[in-house]
Amino acid sequence: MNDTQRLRAAIRDVADFPKPGVVFKDITPLLQDPELLQLSCDLLAEPFRDRQVSLVLGVESRGFIFGPPVALALGAGFQIARKPGKLPWDTIAESYELEYGKGQIEIHRDAVQPGQRVLLLDDVIATGGTAAAAARLATRMGAEVVGCAFLIELDFLGGRQKLGNLEVHSVLCY
């Protein structure tokens, strides 16, 4: 079995979660296996090793799991993008469209510095709204978003298109 087959085999499908008709990709079995967790982080970082990434921006909440080890692998710092009201200091926010309404993502005002080379990271890209909003935040702060890395891409939802011309790296596609 190759590396991606091993990762895929460790991800379980949970039917009708969080609502009927949705098949949730549960990564918790993968996370409990140290070898697969390391492999996941290595594969997320790999395309960006020679890209002089200075900051990994992890998106709530499972981007927080993979973000620090990927940042360390790239010799970069780590920051977080969260839902409103979860960060303790001054924030800036960016809105995005949901199926029925709007969502919002926030970062601390000093989380991203002008000129930093940012890698956006999350466990899953689905519709792409959250990732696109986080990328816009980093750009507004004066950073260059060098790419986006996701463990899983649900490509049938078309989220990649919301990221425009940004480089998108997905370890597994469904």
N, C-alpha and C. Protein backbone atom coordinates (compact mmCIF):
# COMPACT_ATOMS: atom_id res chain seq x y z
N MET A 1 0.84 -1.18 0.00
CA MET A 1 0.00 0.00 0.00
C MET A 1 0.89 1.25 0.00
N ASN A 2 0.60 2.21 -0.89
CA ASN A 2 1.40 3.44 -0.90
C ASN A 2 0.94 4.39 0.21
N ASP A 3 1.65 5.51 0.36
CA ASP A 3 1.38 6.43 1.47
C ASP A 3 -0.04 6.97 1.48
N THR A 4 -0.52 7.42 0.34
CA THR A 4 -1.88 7.99 0.33
C THR A 4 -2.93 6.91 0.57
N GLN A 5 -2.68 5.70 0.10
CA GLN A 5 -3.61 4.60 0.38
C GLN A 5 -3.65 4.30 1.88
N ARG A 6 -2.51 4.36 2.54
CA ARG A 6 -2.45 4.13 3.99
C ARG A 6 -3.25 5.21 4.73
N LEU A 7 -3.09 6.47 4.32
CA LEU A 7 -3.85 7.55 4.96
C LEU A 7 -5.35 7.37 4.71
N ARG A 8 -5.70 7.11 3.47
CA ARG A 8 -7.11 6.94 3.10
C ARG A 8 -7.76 5.80 3.90
N ALA A 9 -7.00 4.72 4.11
CA ALA A 9 -7.53 3.57 4.85
C ALA A 9 -7.80 3.91 6.32
N ALA A 10 -7.10 4.91 6.85
CA ALA A 10 -7.26 5.28 8.26
C ALA A 10 -8.38 6.29 8.49
N ILE A 11 -8.92 6.84 7.43
CA ILE A 11 -10.00 7.83 7.56
C ILE A 11 -11.33 7.11 7.43
N ARG A 12 -12.18 7.30 8.43
CA ARG A 12 -13.46 6.60 8.39
C ARG A 12 -14.57 7.54 7.94
N ASP A 13 -15.50 6.98 7.22
CA ASP A 13 -16.70 7.71 6.80
C ASP A 13 -17.77 7.57 7.88
N VAL A 14 -18.36 8.69 8.25
CA VAL A 14 -19.46 8.69 9.22
C VAL A 14 -20.68 9.26 8.50
N ALA A 15 -21.65 8.41 8.26
CA ALA A 15 -22.85 8.82 7.52
C ALA A 15 -23.74 9.73 8.37
N ASP A 16 -24.34 10.68 7.69
CA ASP A 16 -25.34 11.57 8.29
C ASP A 16 -24.80 12.40 9.44
N PHE A 17 -23.54 12.83 9.33
CA PHE A 17 -22.95 13.73 10.33
C PHE A 17 -22.31 14.89 9.61
N PRO A 18 -22.54 16.11 9.98
CA PRO A 18 -23.32 16.57 11.13
C PRO A 18 -24.82 16.69 10.86
N LYS A 19 -25.22 16.37 9.62
CA LYS A 19 -26.66 16.40 9.31
C LYS A 19 -26.96 15.31 8.28
N PRO A 20 -28.22 14.93 8.14
CA PRO A 20 -28.58 13.87 7.19
C PRO A 20 -28.10 14.17 5.77
N GLY A 21 -27.57 13.14 5.13
CA GLY A 21 -27.10 13.26 3.76
C GLY A 21 -25.62 13.57 3.64
N VAL A 22 -24.98 13.98 4.72
CA VAL A 22 -23.55 14.30 4.70
C VAL A 22 -22.76 13.07 5.13
N VAL A 23 -21.67 12.78 4.40
CA VAL A 23 -20.74 11.73 4.80
C VAL A 23 -19.48 12.43 5.29
N PHE A 24 -19.28 12.42 6.61
CA PHE A 24 -18.18 13.11 7.27
C PHE A 24 -16.92 12.26 7.18
N LYS A 25 -15.80 12.90 6.84
CA LYS A 25 -14.50 12.23 6.80
C LYS A 25 -13.84 12.41 8.17
N ASP A 26 -13.86 11.36 8.98
CA ASP A 26 -13.34 11.40 10.34
C ASP A 26 -11.86 11.03 10.34
N ILE A 27 -11.01 12.01 10.69
CA ILE A 27 -9.56 11.79 10.69
C ILE A 27 -9.02 11.32 12.04
N THR A 28 -9.88 11.17 13.04
CA THR A 28 -9.36 10.81 14.37
C THR A 28 -8.61 9.47 14.41
N PRO A 29 -9.00 8.45 13.63
CA PRO A 29 -8.17 7.23 13.62
C PRO A 29 -6.76 7.49 13.08
N LEU A 30 -6.64 8.36 12.09
CA LEU A 30 -5.34 8.73 11.54
C LEU A 30 -4.50 9.45 12.59
N LEU A 31 -5.14 10.34 13.34
CA LEU A 31 -4.42 11.13 14.34
C LEU A 31 -3.85 10.28 15.46
N GLN A 32 -4.48 9.17 15.78
CA GLN A 32 -4.00 8.36 16.90
C GLN A 32 -2.82 7.47 16.52
N ASP A 33 -2.50 7.39 15.24
CA ASP A 33 -1.37 6.59 14.77
C ASP A 33 -0.19 7.54 14.53
N PRO A 34 0.86 7.48 15.37
CA PRO A 34 1.95 8.45 15.23
C PRO A 34 2.63 8.41 13.86
N GLU A 35 2.73 7.25 13.26
CA GLU A 35 3.37 7.14 11.95
C GLU A 35 2.52 7.84 10.88
N LEU A 36 1.20 7.65 10.92
CA LEU A 36 0.32 8.29 9.94
C LEU A 36 0.20 9.78 10.19
N LEU A 37 0.22 10.19 11.45
CA LEU A 37 0.20 11.62 11.76
C LEU A 37 1.46 12.29 11.20
N GLN A 38 2.60 11.69 11.41
CA GLN A 38 3.86 12.23 10.87
C GLN A 38 3.82 12.26 9.35
N LEU A 39 3.35 11.18 8.75
CA LEU A 39 3.25 11.11 7.29
C LEU A 39 2.34 12.22 6.76
N SER A 40 1.22 12.45 7.42
CA SER A 40 0.30 13.51 7.00
C SER A 40 1.00 14.87 7.00
N CYS A 41 1.71 15.16 8.08
CA CYS A 41 2.40 16.44 8.19
C CYS A 41 3.50 16.57 7.14
N ASP A 42 4.24 15.49 6.91
CA ASP A 42 5.29 15.50 5.89
C ASP A 42 4.70 15.78 4.51
N LEU A 43 3.60 15.12 4.18
CA LEU A 43 2.98 15.30 2.86
C LEU A 43 2.35 16.68 2.70
N LEU A 44 1.85 17.25 3.78
CA LEU A 44 1.32 18.63 3.72
C LEU A 44 2.45 19.63 3.47
N ALA A 45 3.59 19.42 4.10
CA ALA A 45 4.71 20.36 3.99
C ALA A 45 5.50 20.21 2.69
N GLU A 46 5.56 19.01 2.16
CA GLU A 46 6.49 18.67 1.06
C GLU A 46 6.54 19.69 -0.09
N PRO A 47 5.42 20.09 -0.69
CA PRO A 47 5.52 20.98 -1.85
C PRO A 47 6.01 22.39 -1.51
N PHE A 48 6.09 22.71 -0.22
CA PHE A 48 6.41 24.08 0.18
C PHE A 48 7.78 24.18 0.85
N ARG A 49 8.55 23.10 0.85
CA ARG A 49 9.84 23.08 1.55
C ARG A 49 10.83 24.11 1.00
N ASP A 50 10.81 24.39 -0.27
CA ASP A 50 11.76 25.33 -0.87
C ASP A 50 11.09 26.66 -1.23
N ARG A 51 10.01 27.00 -0.55
CA ARG A 51 9.23 28.19 -0.90
C ARG A 51 9.42 29.34 0.08
N GLN A 52 10.36 29.21 1.02
CA GLN A 52 10.66 30.24 2.01
C GLN A 52 9.41 30.70 2.77
N VAL A 53 8.60 29.75 3.19
CA VAL A 53 7.42 30.05 4.00
C VAL A 53 7.90 30.59 5.35
N SER A 54 7.37 31.74 5.76
CA SER A 54 7.75 32.30 7.06
C SER A 54 6.66 32.12 8.11
N LEU A 55 5.42 31.83 7.67
CA LEU A 55 4.32 31.67 8.62
C LEU A 55 3.30 30.68 8.06
N VAL A 56 2.88 29.75 8.90
CA VAL A 56 1.77 28.87 8.57
C VAL A 56 0.56 29.42 9.32
N LEU A 57 -0.52 29.65 8.58
CA LEU A 57 -1.76 30.16 9.17
C LEU A 57 -2.76 29.00 9.20
N GLY A 58 -3.01 28.48 10.41
CA GLY A 58 -3.92 27.35 10.59
C GLY A 58 -5.34 27.83 10.80
N VAL A 59 -6.27 27.21 10.08
CA VAL A 59 -7.67 27.59 10.14
C VAL A 59 -8.40 26.69 11.13
N GLU A 60 -9.26 27.31 11.94
CA GLU A 60 -10.03 26.60 12.97
C GLU A 60 -10.81 25.45 12.37
N SER A 61 -10.84 24.36 13.03
CA SER A 61 -10.07 24.10 14.23
C SER A 61 -9.00 23.04 13.97
N ARG A 62 -9.23 22.21 13.00
CA ARG A 62 -8.25 21.13 12.80
C ARG A 62 -7.01 21.58 12.04
N GLY A 63 -7.04 22.79 11.52
CA GLY A 63 -5.79 23.37 11.01
C GLY A 63 -4.81 23.61 12.14
N PHE A 64 -5.33 23.67 13.38
CA PHE A 64 -4.48 23.83 14.56
C PHE A 64 -3.71 22.55 14.87
N ILE A 65 -4.24 21.41 14.46
CA ILE A 65 -3.57 20.13 14.72
C ILE A 65 -2.35 19.98 13.83
N PHE A 66 -2.54 20.23 12.54
CA PHE A 66 -1.47 20.01 11.57
C PHE A 66 -0.54 21.20 11.43
N GLY A 67 -1.02 22.39 11.76
CA GLY A 67 -0.25 23.61 11.55
C GLY A 67 1.10 23.67 12.23
N PRO A 68 1.17 23.46 13.57
CA PRO A 68 2.49 23.56 14.21
C PRO A 68 3.54 22.58 13.69
N PRO A 69 3.22 21.28 13.49
CA PRO A 69 4.28 20.41 12.97
C PRO A 69 4.69 20.77 11.54
N VAL A 70 3.74 21.23 10.73
CA VAL A 70 4.09 21.66 9.37
C VAL A 70 4.95 22.91 9.43
N ALA A 71 4.60 23.85 10.31
CA ALA A 71 5.41 25.06 10.47
C ALA A 71 6.83 24.71 10.87
N LEU A 72 6.99 23.82 11.84
CA LEU A 72 8.32 23.41 12.27
C LEU A 72 9.10 22.74 11.13
N ALA A 73 8.41 21.91 10.34
CA ALA A 73 9.07 21.25 9.20
C ALA A 73 9.56 22.26 8.18
N LEU A 74 8.87 23.40 8.09
CA LEU A 74 9.23 24.44 7.11
C LEU A 74 10.11 25.53 7.71
N GLY A 75 10.41 25.44 9.01
CA GLY A 75 11.21 26.48 9.66
C GLY A 75 10.44 27.78 9.77
N ALA A 76 9.13 27.69 9.94
CA ALA A 76 8.25 28.86 9.95
C ALA A 76 7.56 29.00 11.30
N GLY A 77 6.97 30.17 11.53
CA GLY A 77 6.12 30.38 12.69
C GLY A 77 4.71 29.88 12.40
N PHE A 78 3.85 29.99 13.41
CA PHE A 78 2.48 29.52 13.29
C PHE A 78 1.53 30.54 13.91
N GLN A 79 0.42 30.76 13.25
CA GLN A 79 -0.66 31.61 13.76
C GLN A 79 -2.00 30.95 13.46
N ILE A 80 -3.06 31.46 14.11
CA ILE A 80 -4.37 30.84 13.98
C ILE A 80 -5.41 31.82 13.45
N ALA A 81 -6.34 31.28 12.67
CA ALA A 81 -7.52 32.01 12.19
C ALA A 81 -8.72 31.31 12.82
N ARG A 82 -9.55 32.11 13.53
CA ARG A 82 -10.63 31.52 14.32
C ARG A 82 -11.98 32.14 14.01
N LYS A 83 -13.01 31.46 14.49
CA LYS A 83 -14.36 32.00 14.41
C LYS A 83 -14.47 33.22 15.33
N PRO A 84 -15.43 34.09 15.08
CA PRO A 84 -15.55 35.33 15.88
C PRO A 84 -15.69 35.07 17.37
N GLY A 85 -15.04 35.96 18.14
CA GLY A 85 -15.16 35.93 19.58
C GLY A 85 -14.27 34.93 20.28
N LYS A 86 -13.38 34.24 19.57
CA LYS A 86 -12.54 33.21 20.17
C LYS A 86 -11.12 33.69 20.46
N LEU A 87 -10.73 34.83 19.91
CA LEU A 87 -9.38 35.34 20.13
C LEU A 87 -9.41 36.44 21.19
N PRO A 88 -8.40 36.48 22.08
CA PRO A 88 -8.46 37.36 23.23
C PRO A 88 -8.02 38.80 23.01
N TRP A 89 -7.50 39.13 21.85
CA TRP A 89 -6.92 40.46 21.65
C TRP A 89 -7.60 41.13 20.47
N ASP A 90 -7.11 42.29 20.04
CA ASP A 90 -7.67 43.01 18.90
C ASP A 90 -7.59 42.14 17.65
N THR A 91 -8.68 42.10 16.90
CA THR A 91 -8.73 41.25 15.72
C THR A 91 -9.15 42.03 14.49
N ILE A 92 -8.89 41.44 13.34
CA ILE A 92 -9.51 41.86 12.09
C ILE A 92 -10.27 40.66 11.56
N ALA A 93 -11.33 40.93 10.83
CA ALA A 93 -12.23 39.86 10.39
C ALA A 93 -12.46 39.92 8.89
N GLU A 94 -12.87 38.80 8.37
CA GLU A 94 -13.25 38.69 6.96
C GLU A 94 -14.48 37.79 6.90
N SER A 95 -15.47 38.23 6.16
CA SER A 95 -16.71 37.46 6.01
C SER A 95 -16.65 36.57 4.78
N TYR A 96 -17.47 35.55 4.78
CA TYR A 96 -17.61 34.66 3.63
C TYR A 96 -19.04 34.14 3.59
N GLU A 97 -19.43 33.70 2.43
CA GLU A 97 -20.80 33.22 2.22
C GLU A 97 -20.94 31.77 2.66
N LEU A 98 -22.03 31.51 3.35
CA LEU A 98 -22.44 30.15 3.68
C LEU A 98 -23.66 29.81 2.85
N GLU A 99 -24.08 28.56 2.91
CA GLU A 99 -25.25 28.14 2.15
C GLU A 99 -26.47 29.01 2.50
N TYR A 100 -26.63 29.29 3.78
CA TYR A 100 -27.75 30.13 4.23
C TYR A 100 -27.23 31.21 5.17
N GLY A 101 -26.61 32.24 4.61
CA GLY A 101 -26.12 33.34 5.44
C GLY A 101 -24.65 33.59 5.24
N LYS A 102 -24.02 34.13 6.28
CA LYS A 102 -22.61 34.49 6.22
C LYS A 102 -21.86 33.89 7.40
N GLY A 103 -20.59 33.64 7.19
CA GLY A 103 -19.68 33.25 8.25
C GLY A 103 -18.59 34.29 8.35
N GLN A 104 -17.75 34.15 9.36
CA GLN A 104 -16.67 35.11 9.55
C GLN A 104 -15.48 34.40 10.18
N ILE A 105 -14.29 34.86 9.83
CA ILE A 105 -13.05 34.34 10.39
C ILE A 105 -12.23 35.54 10.86
N GLU A 106 -11.49 35.37 11.95
CA GLU A 106 -10.71 36.46 12.53
C GLU A 106 -9.27 36.02 12.81
N ILE A 107 -8.38 37.01 12.79
CA ILE A 107 -7.01 36.82 13.25
C ILE A 107 -6.65 38.03 14.11
N HIS A 108 -5.64 37.86 14.97
CA HIS A 108 -5.14 39.00 15.73
C HIS A 108 -4.54 40.02 14.77
N ARG A 109 -4.65 41.28 15.12
CA ARG A 109 -4.12 42.37 14.28
C ARG A 109 -2.63 42.24 13.99
N ASP A 110 -1.90 41.59 14.88
CA ASP A 110 -0.46 41.44 14.68
C ASP A 110 -0.06 40.01 14.29
N ALA A 111 -1.01 39.20 13.89
CA ALA A 111 -0.73 37.80 13.57
C ALA A 111 0.09 37.63 12.31
N VAL A 112 -0.12 38.49 11.35
CA VAL A 112 0.55 38.39 10.06
C VAL A 112 1.22 39.73 9.78
N GLN A 113 2.48 39.68 9.42
CA GLN A 113 3.25 40.90 9.17
C GLN A 113 3.42 41.14 7.67
N PRO A 114 3.48 42.41 7.27
CA PRO A 114 3.72 42.72 5.86
C PRO A 114 5.00 42.03 5.37
N GLY A 115 4.90 41.46 4.19
CA GLY A 115 6.05 40.80 3.58
C GLY A 115 6.22 39.33 3.95
N GLN A 116 5.49 38.85 4.95
CA GLN A 116 5.61 37.44 5.29
C GLN A 116 5.07 36.57 4.16
N ARG A 117 5.69 35.40 4.04
CA ARG A 117 5.25 34.40 3.06
C ARG A 117 4.44 33.36 3.82
N VAL A 118 3.13 33.36 3.57
CA VAL A 118 2.18 32.60 4.36
C VAL A 118 1.69 31.36 3.61
N LEU A 119 1.68 30.24 4.34
CA LEU A 119 1.04 29.03 3.87
C LEU A 119 -0.24 28.86 4.67
N LEU A 120 -1.36 28.83 3.99
CA LEU A 120 -2.65 28.61 4.63
C LEU A 120 -2.86 27.10 4.76
N LEU A 121 -3.30 26.65 5.95
CA LEU A 121 -3.40 25.21 6.18
C LEU A 121 -4.68 24.86 6.93
N ASP A 122 -5.35 23.80 6.45
CA ASP A 122 -6.51 23.25 7.15
C ASP A 122 -6.58 21.76 6.84
N ASP A 123 -7.41 21.06 7.59
CA ASP A 123 -7.53 19.62 7.36
C ASP A 123 -8.34 19.33 6.11
N VAL A 124 -9.41 20.11 5.87
CA VAL A 124 -10.32 19.84 4.75
C VAL A 124 -10.65 21.14 4.02
N ILE A 125 -10.71 21.06 2.70
CA ILE A 125 -11.33 22.12 1.91
C ILE A 125 -12.59 21.52 1.31
N ALA A 126 -13.70 22.18 1.62
CA ALA A 126 -15.00 21.74 1.10
C ALA A 126 -15.47 22.80 0.11
N THR A 127 -16.29 23.74 0.55
CA THR A 127 -16.79 24.78 -0.36
C THR A 127 -15.78 25.90 -0.55
N GLY A 128 -14.77 25.99 0.32
CA GLY A 128 -13.68 26.94 0.14
C GLY A 128 -13.88 28.31 0.75
N GLY A 129 -15.05 28.59 1.31
CA GLY A 129 -15.32 29.92 1.84
C GLY A 129 -14.41 30.33 2.97
N THR A 130 -14.21 29.45 3.92
CA THR A 130 -13.36 29.78 5.07
C THR A 130 -11.91 29.97 4.64
N ALA A 131 -11.41 29.09 3.79
CA ALA A 131 -10.03 29.20 3.32
C ALA A 131 -9.83 30.49 2.53
N ALA A 132 -10.77 30.82 1.67
CA ALA A 132 -10.65 32.04 0.88
C ALA A 132 -10.66 33.28 1.78
N ALA A 133 -11.51 33.27 2.81
CA ALA A 133 -11.56 34.40 3.74
C ALA A 133 -10.24 34.53 4.50
N ALA A 134 -9.66 33.41 4.94
CA ALA A 134 -8.38 33.45 5.64
C ALA A 134 -7.27 33.96 4.72
N ALA A 135 -7.29 33.56 3.47
CA ALA A 135 -6.30 34.05 2.50
C ALA A 135 -6.45 35.55 2.29
N ARG A 136 -7.69 36.02 2.20
CA ARG A 136 -7.92 37.47 2.05
C ARG A 136 -7.41 38.24 3.26
N LEU A 137 -7.61 37.68 4.45
CA LEU A 137 -7.10 38.34 5.66
C LEU A 137 -5.58 38.48 5.60
N ALA A 138 -4.88 37.42 5.28
CA ALA A 138 -3.43 37.47 5.21
C ALA A 138 -2.97 38.49 4.17
N THR A 139 -3.65 38.53 3.04
CA THR A 139 -3.30 39.48 1.98
C THR A 139 -3.56 40.91 2.45
N ARG A 140 -4.68 41.14 3.12
CA ARG A 140 -4.98 42.47 3.67
C ARG A 140 -3.92 42.95 4.64
N MET A 141 -3.29 42.01 5.34
CA MET A 141 -2.24 42.35 6.30
C MET A 141 -0.89 42.60 5.61
N GLY A 142 -0.84 42.44 4.30
CA GLY A 142 0.38 42.71 3.55
C GLY A 142 1.25 41.51 3.30
N ALA A 143 0.74 40.33 3.61
CA ALA A 143 1.51 39.10 3.38
C ALA A 143 1.31 38.59 1.96
N GLU A 144 2.20 37.71 1.55
CA GLU A 144 2.05 36.99 0.29
C GLU A 144 1.62 35.57 0.63
N VAL A 145 0.47 35.15 0.17
CA VAL A 145 0.03 33.78 0.39
C VAL A 145 0.68 32.92 -0.70
N VAL A 146 1.62 32.06 -0.27
CA VAL A 146 2.37 31.27 -1.24
C VAL A 146 1.64 30.00 -1.63
N GLY A 147 0.62 29.64 -0.87
CA GLY A 147 -0.15 28.46 -1.20
C GLY A 147 -1.08 28.06 -0.08
N CYS A 148 -1.85 27.02 -0.36
CA CYS A 148 -2.82 26.47 0.59
C CYS A 148 -2.62 24.96 0.61
N ALA A 149 -2.60 24.40 1.81
CA ALA A 149 -2.41 22.95 1.95
C ALA A 149 -3.56 22.36 2.76
N PHE A 150 -4.08 21.25 2.27
CA PHE A 150 -5.20 20.57 2.92
C PHE A 150 -4.92 19.08 2.93
N LEU A 151 -5.25 18.42 4.02
CA LEU A 151 -5.13 16.97 4.05
C LEU A 151 -6.15 16.35 3.10
N ILE A 152 -7.39 16.88 3.12
CA ILE A 152 -8.48 16.33 2.32
C ILE A 152 -9.13 17.43 1.50
N GLU A 153 -9.38 17.14 0.24
CA GLU A 153 -10.17 18.03 -0.61
C GLU A 153 -11.42 17.28 -1.05
N LEU A 154 -12.56 17.87 -0.77
CA LEU A 154 -13.84 17.33 -1.26
C LEU A 154 -14.09 18.02 -2.59
N ASP A 155 -13.45 17.50 -3.64
CA ASP A 155 -13.40 18.22 -4.92
C ASP A 155 -14.75 18.39 -5.58
N PHE A 156 -15.72 17.56 -5.25
CA PHE A 156 -17.05 17.70 -5.84
C PHE A 156 -17.77 18.95 -5.36
N LEU A 157 -17.26 19.61 -4.31
CA LEU A 157 -17.86 20.85 -3.80
C LEU A 157 -17.23 22.11 -4.41
N GLY A 158 -16.14 21.95 -5.17
CA GLY A 158 -15.57 23.06 -5.92
C GLY A 158 -14.90 24.15 -5.11
N GLY A 159 -14.46 23.86 -3.90
CA GLY A 159 -13.85 24.88 -3.06
C GLY A 159 -12.58 25.48 -3.61
N ARG A 160 -11.84 24.73 -4.35
CA ARG A 160 -10.58 25.20 -4.94
C ARG A 160 -10.80 26.46 -5.79
N GLN A 161 -11.94 26.54 -6.47
CA GLN A 161 -12.22 27.68 -7.33
C GLN A 161 -12.31 28.99 -6.55
N LYS A 162 -12.73 28.93 -5.29
CA LYS A 162 -12.83 30.15 -4.48
C LYS A 162 -11.46 30.71 -4.11
N LEU A 163 -10.42 29.91 -4.30
CA LEU A 163 -9.07 30.36 -3.97
C LEU A 163 -8.35 31.00 -5.15
N GLY A 164 -9.07 31.16 -6.26
CA GLY A 164 -8.52 31.88 -7.41
C GLY A 164 -7.24 31.26 -7.92
N ASN A 165 -6.21 32.09 -8.03
CA ASN A 165 -4.93 31.65 -8.59
C ASN A 165 -3.97 31.10 -7.55
N LEU A 166 -4.41 30.98 -6.31
CA LEU A 166 -3.51 30.45 -5.28
C LEU A 166 -3.20 28.98 -5.55
N GLU A 167 -1.96 28.60 -5.27
CA GLU A 167 -1.58 27.20 -5.39
C GLU A 167 -2.30 26.40 -4.30
N VAL A 168 -2.93 25.31 -4.70
CA VAL A 168 -3.64 24.45 -3.76
C VAL A 168 -3.03 23.06 -3.80
N HIS A 169 -2.62 22.60 -2.62
CA HIS A 169 -2.07 21.25 -2.49
C HIS A 169 -2.98 20.45 -1.57
N SER A 170 -3.53 19.37 -2.07
CA SER A 170 -4.36 18.48 -1.28
C SER A 170 -3.74 17.09 -1.29
N VAL A 171 -3.55 16.54 -0.10
CA VAL A 171 -2.95 15.21 0.01
C VAL A 171 -3.90 14.15 -0.52
N LEU A 172 -5.17 14.24 -0.14
CA LEU A 172 -6.18 13.27 -0.57
C LEU A 172 -7.37 14.01 -1.19
N CYS A 173 -7.89 13.48 -2.27
CA CYS A 173 -9.09 14.07 -2.90
C CYS A 173 -10.20 13.03 -2.89
N TYR A 174 -11.38 13.50 -2.59
CA TYR A 174 -12.59 12.67 -2.61
C TYR A 174 -13.59 13.33 -3.52
